Amino acid sequence: MANTKASLKDIRQIETRTEHNTRVRSRLKTLARKVKAARETGETEQAKEVARAYVAASDKAAKSSIIHPNKAARHKASVSDLVR
């Protein structure tokens, strides 16, 4: 257990950040599944729309260091054919 007020505050901040980061990662996974599903069904307009949302969310997560920038670039490259 924490011994100082500063340590207790650190614990609270870590819990808050962890919860936020988990929500962001979960949203990324959900969007990735939607991109895959739209690609398989052949709905091009919906696939493009979801792919754009996925790319934007990946960029934002990479910018705030929730995911690694190279991971975001790799995933963006895999859906780039749908964005065009």
Protein backbone atom coordinates (compact mmCIF):
# COMPACT_ATOMS: atom_id res chain seq x y z
CA MET A 1 0.00 0.00 0.00
CA ALA A 2 1.10 3.55 -0.66
CA ASN A 3 2.83 5.42 2.13
CA THR A 4 2.42 9.02 1.01
CA LYS A 5 -0.34 11.24 -0.32
CA ALA A 6 1.60 11.59 -3.57
CA SER A 7 1.68 7.80 -3.97
CA LEU A 8 -2.07 7.59 -3.41
CA LYS A 9 -2.60 10.26 -6.05
CA ASP A 10 -0.31 8.38 -8.46
CA ILE A 11 -2.41 5.26 -7.97
CA ARG A 12 -5.61 7.18 -8.72
CA GLN A 13 -4.08 8.70 -11.85
CA ILE A 14 -2.82 5.35 -13.09
CA GLU A 15 -6.27 3.79 -12.65
CA THR A 16 -7.88 6.63 -14.59
CA ARG A 17 -5.34 6.45 -17.42
CA THR A 18 -5.57 2.66 -17.60
CA GLU A 19 -9.36 2.82 -17.88
CA HIS A 20 -9.15 5.42 -20.66
CA ASN A 21 -6.47 3.51 -22.58
CA THR A 22 -8.48 0.29 -22.31
CA ARG A 23 -11.52 2.02 -23.79
CA VAL A 24 -9.47 3.40 -26.69
CA ARG A 25 -7.86 0.01 -27.44
CA SER A 26 -11.26 -1.67 -27.29
CA ARG A 27 -12.68 0.84 -29.76
CA LEU A 28 -9.76 0.21 -32.11
CA LYS A 29 -10.40 -3.53 -31.99
CA THR A 30 -14.11 -2.99 -32.63
CA LEU A 31 -13.39 -0.75 -35.62
CA ALA A 32 -10.90 -3.31 -36.96
CA ARG A 33 -13.58 -6.00 -36.78
CA LYS A 34 -16.04 -3.70 -38.57
CA VAL A 35 -13.51 -3.04 -41.33
CA LYS A 36 -12.93 -6.76 -41.76
CA ALA A 37 -16.67 -7.50 -41.82
CA ALA A 38 -17.36 -4.74 -44.36
CA ARG A 39 -14.52 -5.99 -46.54
CA GLU A 40 -15.89 -9.55 -46.48
CA THR A 41 -19.46 -8.51 -47.33
CA GLY A 42 -18.27 -6.34 -50.22
CA GLU A 43 -20.07 -3.17 -49.15
CA THR A 44 -17.58 -0.65 -50.51
CA GLU A 45 -19.15 2.58 -49.23
CA GLN A 46 -19.57 1.25 -45.71
CA ALA A 47 -16.07 -0.23 -45.81
CA LYS A 48 -14.59 3.12 -46.82
CA GLU A 49 -16.47 4.95 -44.08
CA VAL A 50 -15.41 2.48 -41.38
CA ALA A 51 -11.84 2.41 -42.70
CA ARG A 52 -11.60 6.19 -42.45
CA ALA A 53 -12.87 6.07 -38.86
CA TYR A 54 -10.35 3.32 -38.06
CA VAL A 55 -7.44 5.25 -39.57
CA ALA A 56 -8.40 8.39 -37.67
CA ALA A 57 -8.72 6.49 -34.38
CA SER A 58 -5.39 4.74 -34.98
CA ASP A 59 -3.65 8.06 -35.65
CA LYS A 60 -5.12 9.60 -32.52
CA ALA A 61 -4.12 6.61 -30.38
CA ALA A 62 -0.60 6.66 -31.79
CA LYS A 63 -0.30 10.40 -31.24
CA SER A 64 -1.14 9.98 -27.56
CA SER A 65 1.15 6.91 -27.20
CA ILE A 66 -1.65 4.47 -26.50
CA ILE A 67 -0.41 2.29 -29.35
CA HIS A 68 2.98 2.35 -31.05
CA PRO A 69 3.19 4.61 -34.11
CA ASN A 70 4.59 1.79 -36.24
CA LYS A 71 1.61 -0.39 -35.33
CA ALA A 72 -0.74 2.37 -36.43
CA ALA A 73 1.17 2.74 -39.71
CA ARG A 74 1.09 -1.00 -40.32
CA HIS A 75 -2.66 -1.21 -39.75
CA LYS A 76 -3.33 1.89 -41.85
CA ALA A 77 -1.39 0.33 -44.72
CA SER A 78 -3.51 -2.81 -44.55
CA VAL A 79 -6.75 -0.83 -44.94
CA SER A 80 -5.42 1.79 -47.34
CA ASP A 81 -7.06 0.14 -50.34
CA LEU A 82 -10.48 0.79 -48.79
CA VAL A 83 -9.84 4.44 -48.00
CA ARG A 84 -9.18 5.48 -51.59
